[in-house]
């Protein structure tokens, strides 16, 4: 990952024309519905060029992090795979999602949102804030066969991978 700073990343984030809630999260003003799920990507700005080399290669724009700060979300502007990226600061050298579309990169977050309350209205409200268009299919898939409580970890991971693959690729 190439070094960047908050100001440059903010300008690039604006140019991506993502939902306004993403900029609010980046600017440390998350909408109330997102405060338990997302926060700004501050850790990425603290890494030097040597440390950044361990993470996904190329020109990435940091977007946000999960609530722990360890899972980072970014947009890669070019090679090797243009699109959205999700990676862990705790596992350098690997990206759990790489070069995917907007809906696809949000799937793990949306699964967490739904499982947090198992409330369709809350999940739909968060999906609207994030511009996640596959909310009905996600909820249907998660509630099928009794939901996650009756699925093994492996089965749930396989379902998530399959669901992500079913979503549109980046333009």
C-alpha atoms as a PDB file:
ATOM      1  CA  UNK A   1       0.000   0.000   0.000  1.00  0.00           C
ATOM      2  CA  UNK A   2       1.333   3.400  -0.946  1.00  0.00           C
ATOM      3  CA  UNK A   3       1.644   6.014   1.824  1.00  0.00           C
ATOM      4  CA  UNK A   4      -1.098   8.638   2.058  1.00  0.00           C
ATOM      5  CA  UNK A   5      -2.381  11.194   4.527  1.00  0.00           C
ATOM      6  CA  UNK A   6      -5.816  12.097   5.836  1.00  0.00           C
ATOM      7  CA  UNK A   7      -6.223  15.177   3.620  1.00  0.00           C
ATOM      8  CA  UNK A   8      -5.339  13.371   0.387  1.00  0.00           C
ATOM      9  CA  UNK A   9      -7.481  10.374   1.337  1.00  0.00           C
ATOM     10  CA  UNK A  10     -10.443  12.651   2.138  1.00  0.00           C
ATOM     11  CA  UNK A  11     -10.226  14.339  -1.274  1.00  0.00           C
ATOM     12  CA  UNK A  12     -10.080  10.933  -3.002  1.00  0.00           C
ATOM     13  CA  UNK A  13     -12.998   9.649  -0.909  1.00  0.00           C
ATOM     14  CA  UNK A  14     -15.112  12.621  -1.981  1.00  0.00           C
ATOM     15  CA  UNK A  15     -14.235  11.940  -5.635  1.00  0.00           C
ATOM     16  CA  UNK A  16     -15.505   8.352  -5.261  1.00  0.00           C
ATOM     17  CA  UNK A  17     -19.035   9.730  -4.631  1.00  0.00           C
ATOM     18  CA  UNK A  18     -19.840   7.150  -1.978  1.00  0.00           C
ATOM     19  CA  UNK A  19     -22.860   7.614   0.302  1.00  0.00           C
ATOM     20  CA  UNK A  20     -22.537  10.729   2.525  1.00  0.00           C
ATOM     21  CA  UNK A  21     -22.431   8.565   5.674  1.00  0.00           C
ATOM     22  CA  UNK A  22     -18.986   7.257   4.654  1.00  0.00           C
ATOM     23  CA  UNK A  23     -17.523  10.767   4.620  1.00  0.00           C
ATOM     24  CA  UNK A  24     -19.157  11.443   7.995  1.00  0.00           C
ATOM     25  CA  UNK A  25     -17.501   8.330   9.437  1.00  0.00           C
ATOM     26  CA  UNK A  26     -14.163   9.375   7.928  1.00  0.00           C
ATOM     27  CA  UNK A  27     -14.593  12.874   9.437  1.00  0.00           C
ATOM     28  CA  UNK A  28     -15.232  11.458  12.934  1.00  0.00           C
ATOM     29  CA  UNK A  29     -18.944  12.343  12.780  1.00  0.00           C
ATOM     30  CA  UNK A  30     -20.606   8.967  12.178  1.00  0.00           C
ATOM     31  CA  UNK A  31     -24.390   8.799  11.992  1.00  0.00           C
ATOM     32  CA  UNK A  32     -25.785   7.374  15.229  1.00  0.00           C
ATOM     33  CA  UNK A  33     -26.891   4.152  13.512  1.00  0.00           C
ATOM     34  CA  UNK A  34     -23.266   3.400  12.544  1.00  0.00           C
ATOM     35  CA  UNK A  35     -21.382   4.122  15.775  1.00  0.00           C
ATOM     36  CA  UNK A  36     -21.362   0.472  16.856  1.00  0.00           C
ATOM     37  CA  UNK A  37     -20.104  -0.791  13.484  1.00  0.00           C
ATOM     38  CA  UNK A  38     -17.758   1.668  11.740  1.00  0.00           C
ATOM     39  CA  UNK A  39     -15.191   4.308  12.574  1.00  0.00           C
ATOM     40  CA  UNK A  40     -12.499   6.342  10.864  1.00  0.00           C
ATOM     41  CA  UNK A  41      -9.418   4.523   9.516  1.00  0.00           C
ATOM     42  CA  UNK A  42      -6.929   6.415  11.749  1.00  0.00           C
ATOM     43  CA  UNK A  43      -4.524   3.500  12.242  1.00  0.00           C
ATOM     44  CA  UNK A  44      -3.618   3.394   8.569  1.00  0.00           C
ATOM     45  CA  UNK A  45      -2.350   6.980   8.696  1.00  0.00           C
ATOM     46  CA  UNK A  46       0.036   6.120  11.530  1.00  0.00           C
ATOM     47  CA  UNK A  47       1.938   3.507   9.508  1.00  0.00           C
ATOM     48  CA  UNK A  48       5.174   4.352   7.722  1.00  0.00           C
ATOM     49  CA  UNK A  49       6.061   3.218   4.180  1.00  0.00           C
ATOM     50  CA  UNK A  50       7.870   0.102   5.441  1.00  0.00           C
ATOM     51  CA  UNK A  51       4.831  -1.019   7.472  1.00  0.00           C
ATOM     52  CA  UNK A  52       2.395  -0.205   4.654  1.00  0.00           C
ATOM     53  CA  UNK A  53       4.322  -2.480   2.300  1.00  0.00           C
ATOM     54  CA  UNK A  54       2.842  -5.485   4.146  1.00  0.00           C
ATOM     55  CA  UNK A  55      -0.716  -4.581   3.151  1.00  0.00           C
ATOM     56  CA  UNK A  56      -2.554  -4.785  -0.185  1.00  0.00           C
ATOM     57  CA  UNK A  57      -0.391  -3.244  -2.918  1.00  0.00           C
ATOM     58  CA  UNK A  58      -1.148  -0.195  -5.005  1.00  0.00           C
ATOM     59  CA  UNK A  59      -2.789   3.170  -4.597  1.00  0.00           C
ATOM     60  CA  UNK A  60      -5.480   2.693  -1.952  1.00  0.00           C
ATOM     61  CA  UNK A  61      -7.814   5.294  -0.488  1.00  0.00           C
ATOM     62  CA  UNK A  62      -8.648   4.439   3.142  1.00  0.00           C
ATOM     63  CA  UNK A  63     -12.405   4.748   3.716  1.00  0.00           C
ATOM     64  CA  UNK A  64     -13.257   3.471   7.191  1.00  0.00           C
ATOM     65  CA  UNK A  65     -12.491   0.740   9.697  1.00  0.00           C
ATOM     66  CA  UNK A  66     -14.667  -1.653  11.632  1.00  0.00           C
ATOM     67  CA  UNK A  67     -15.312  -0.709  15.243  1.00  0.00           C
ATOM     68  CA  UNK A  68     -12.082  -2.383  16.408  1.00  0.00           C
ATOM     69  CA  UNK A  69      -9.930  -0.432  13.969  1.00  0.00           C
ATOM     70  CA  UNK A  70      -8.132  -3.602  12.924  1.00  0.00           C
ATOM     71  CA  UNK A  71     -10.221  -4.315   9.841  1.00  0.00           C
ATOM     72  CA  UNK A  72      -9.720  -1.613   7.240  1.00  0.00           C
ATOM     73  CA  UNK A  73     -11.785  -0.801   4.165  1.00  0.00           C
ATOM     74  CA  UNK A  74     -10.275   0.990   1.175  1.00  0.00           C
ATOM     75  CA  UNK A  75     -10.609   1.581  -2.545  1.00  0.00           C
ATOM     76  CA  UNK A  76      -7.805   0.515  -4.902  1.00  0.00           C
ATOM     77  CA  UNK A  77      -7.526   2.832  -7.904  1.00  0.00           C
ATOM     78  CA  UNK A  78      -5.629   0.515 -10.250  1.00  0.00           C
ATOM     79  CA  UNK A  79      -3.527  -2.624 -10.523  1.00  0.00           C
ATOM     80  CA  UNK A  80      -3.395  -5.310  -9.390  1.00  0.00           C
ATOM     81  CA  UNK A  81      -7.198  -5.382  -8.798  1.00  0.00           C
ATOM     82  CA  UNK A  82      -9.263  -2.202  -9.068  1.00  0.00           C
ATOM     83  CA  UNK A  83     -12.142  -2.052  -6.608  1.00  0.00           C
ATOM     84  CA  UNK A  84     -12.885  -2.144  -2.909  1.00  0.00           C
ATOM     85  CA  UNK A  85     -10.618  -3.954  -0.466  1.00  0.00           C
ATOM     86  CA  UNK A  86     -11.141  -5.255   3.082  1.00  0.00           C
ATOM     87  CA  UNK A  87      -8.041  -6.262   5.027  1.00  0.00           C
ATOM     88  CA  UNK A  88      -6.823  -6.798   8.563  1.00  0.00           C
ATOM     89  CA  UNK A  89      -3.983  -4.855  10.146  1.00  0.00           C
ATOM     90  CA  UNK A  90      -3.390  -7.946  12.306  1.00  0.00           C
ATOM     91  CA  UNK A  91      -2.808 -10.207   9.287  1.00  0.00           C
ATOM     92  CA  UNK A  92      -0.447  -8.392   6.925  1.00  0.00           C
ATOM     93  CA  UNK A  93      -0.257  -9.785   3.430  1.00  0.00           C
ATOM     94  CA  UNK A  94      -3.847 -10.920   3.185  1.00  0.00           C
ATOM     95  CA  UNK A  95      -7.100  -9.293   2.153  1.00  0.00           C
ATOM     96  CA  UNK A  96     -10.382 -11.008   2.929  1.00  0.00           C
ATOM     97  CA  UNK A  97     -12.026  -9.135   0.049  1.00  0.00           C
ATOM     98  CA  UNK A  98     -10.040  -7.640  -2.822  1.00  0.00           C
ATOM     99  CA  UNK A  99     -11.147  -5.855  -5.973  1.00  0.00           C
ATOM    100  CA  UNK A 100     -14.848  -6.226  -5.253  1.00  0.00           C
ATOM    101  CA  UNK A 101     -17.832  -3.905  -5.715  1.00  0.00           C
ATOM    102  CA  UNK A 102     -19.375  -1.673  -3.065  1.00  0.00           C
ATOM    103  CA  UNK A 103     -22.121  -4.083  -1.969  1.00  0.00           C
ATOM    104  CA  UNK A 104     -19.650  -6.977  -1.771  1.00  0.00           C
ATOM    105  CA  UNK A 105     -17.183  -5.175   0.490  1.00  0.00           C
ATOM    106  CA  UNK A 106     -20.040  -4.263   2.849  1.00  0.00           C
ATOM    107  CA  UNK A 107     -21.320  -7.839   3.283  1.00  0.00           C
ATOM    108  CA  UNK A 108     -19.334  -8.622   6.486  1.00  0.00           C
ATOM    109  CA  UNK A 109     -20.488  -5.350   8.035  1.00  0.00           C
ATOM    110  CA  UNK A 110     -24.092  -5.940   7.060  1.00  0.00           C
ATOM    111  CA  UNK A 111     -23.989  -9.483   8.455  1.00  0.00           C
ATOM    112  CA  UNK A 112     -22.792  -8.014  11.768  1.00  0.00           C
ATOM    113  CA  UNK A 113     -25.538  -5.374  11.688  1.00  0.00           C
ATOM    114  CA  UNK A 114     -28.238  -7.987  11.136  1.00  0.00           C
ATOM    115  CA  UNK A 115     -26.856 -10.408  13.714  1.00  0.00           C
ATOM    116  CA  UNK A 116     -26.491  -7.627  16.268  1.00  0.00           C
ATOM    117  CA  UNK A 117     -30.259  -7.218  16.615  1.00  0.00           C
ATOM    118  CA  UNK A 118     -31.872  -9.538  14.051  1.00  0.00           C
ATOM    119  CA  UNK A 119     -34.066  -6.545  13.268  1.00  0.00           C
ATOM    120  CA  UNK A 120     -35.013  -6.115   9.617  1.00  0.00           C
ATOM    121  CA  UNK A 121     -35.927  -2.435   9.995  1.00  0.00           C
ATOM    122  CA  UNK A 122     -32.624  -1.574  11.702  1.00  0.00           C
ATOM    123  CA  UNK A 123     -30.669  -3.525   9.087  1.00  0.00           C
ATOM    124  CA  UNK A 124     -32.552  -1.782   6.271  1.00  0.00           C
ATOM    125  CA  UNK A 125     -31.894   1.634   7.849  1.00  0.00           C
ATOM    126  CA  UNK A 126     -28.149   0.955   8.104  1.00  0.00           C
ATOM    127  CA  UNK A 127     -28.158  -0.424   4.548  1.00  0.00           C
ATOM    128  CA  UNK A 128     -29.789   2.794   3.326  1.00  0.00           C
ATOM    129  CA  UNK A 129     -27.123   4.902   5.056  1.00  0.00           C
ATOM    130  CA  UNK A 130     -24.355   2.827   3.469  1.00  0.00           C
ATOM    131  CA  UNK A 131     -25.937   2.516   0.038  1.00  0.00           C
ATOM    132  CA  UNK A 132     -26.058  -1.286   0.378  1.00  0.00           C
ATOM    133  CA  UNK A 133     -28.586  -2.408  -2.226  1.00  0.00           C
ATOM    134  CA  UNK A 134     -28.587  -6.155  -1.534  1.00  0.00           C
ATOM    135  CA  UNK A 135     -30.216  -5.919   1.897  1.00  0.00           C
ATOM    136  CA  UNK A 136     -33.292  -8.025   1.081  1.00  0.00           C
ATOM    137  CA  UNK A 137     -31.195 -10.850  -0.371  1.00  0.00           C
ATOM    138  CA  UNK A 138     -28.797 -10.671   2.586  1.00  0.00           C
ATOM    139  CA  UNK A 139     -31.568 -10.881   5.187  1.00  0.00           C
ATOM    140  CA  UNK A 140     -33.250 -13.694   3.275  1.00  0.00           C
ATOM    141  CA  UNK A 141     -30.001 -15.641   3.128  1.00  0.00           C
ATOM    142  CA  UNK A 142     -29.261 -15.080   6.795  1.00  0.00           C
ATOM    143  CA  UNK A 143     -32.707 -16.130   7.994  1.00  0.00           C
ATOM    144  CA  UNK A 144     -32.940 -19.165   5.717  1.00  0.00           C
ATOM    145  CA  UNK A 145     -32.791 -22.508   7.571  1.00  0.00           C
ATOM    146  CA  UNK A 146     -33.002 -20.914  11.008  1.00  0.00           C
ATOM    147  CA  UNK A 147     -30.239 -18.326  10.590  1.00  0.00           C
ATOM    148  CA  UNK A 148     -26.675 -18.398  11.801  1.00  0.00           C
ATOM    149  CA  UNK A 149     -27.499 -20.069  15.118  1.00  0.00           C
ATOM    150  CA  UNK A 150     -28.068 -23.327  13.252  1.00  0.00           C
ATOM    151  CA  UNK A 151     -25.100 -23.029  10.885  1.00  0.00           C
ATOM    152  CA  UNK A 152     -21.545 -24.007  11.567  1.00  0.00           C
ATOM    153  CA  UNK A 153     -18.831 -21.392  11.228  1.00  0.00           C
ATOM    154  CA  UNK A 154     -17.661 -23.103   8.051  1.00  0.00           C
ATOM    155  CA  UNK A 155     -21.163 -23.115   6.559  1.00  0.00           C
ATOM    156  CA  UNK A 156     -21.627 -19.446   7.378  1.00  0.00           C
ATOM    157  CA  UNK A 157     -18.273 -18.529   5.807  1.00  0.00           C
ATOM    158  CA  UNK A 158     -19.152 -20.530   2.695  1.00  0.00           C
ATOM    159  CA  UNK A 159     -22.532 -18.765   2.463  1.00  0.00           C
ATOM    160  CA  UNK A 160     -20.843 -15.362   2.780  1.00  0.00           C
ATOM    161  CA  UNK A 161     -18.284 -16.181   0.050  1.00  0.00           C
ATOM    162  CA  UNK A 162     -21.063 -17.371  -2.247  1.00  0.00           C
ATOM    163  CA  UNK A 163     -23.169 -14.291  -1.532  1.00  0.00           C
ATOM    164  CA  UNK A 164     -20.236 -11.953  -2.233  1.00  0.00           C
ATOM    165  CA  UNK A 165     -19.576 -13.709  -5.564  1.00  0.00           C
ATOM    166  CA  UNK A 166     -23.212 -13.190  -6.549  1.00  0.00           C
ATOM    167  CA  UNK A 167     -22.902  -9.403  -6.261  1.00  0.00           C
ATOM    168  CA  UNK A 168     -21.826  -7.080  -9.095  1.00  0.00           C
ATOM    169  CA  UNK A 169     -18.116  -6.567  -9.722  1.00  0.00           C
ATOM    170  CA  UNK A 170     -16.678  -3.052  -9.696  1.00  0.00           C
ATOM    171  CA  UNK A 171     -17.007  -1.019 -12.899  1.00  0.00           C
END
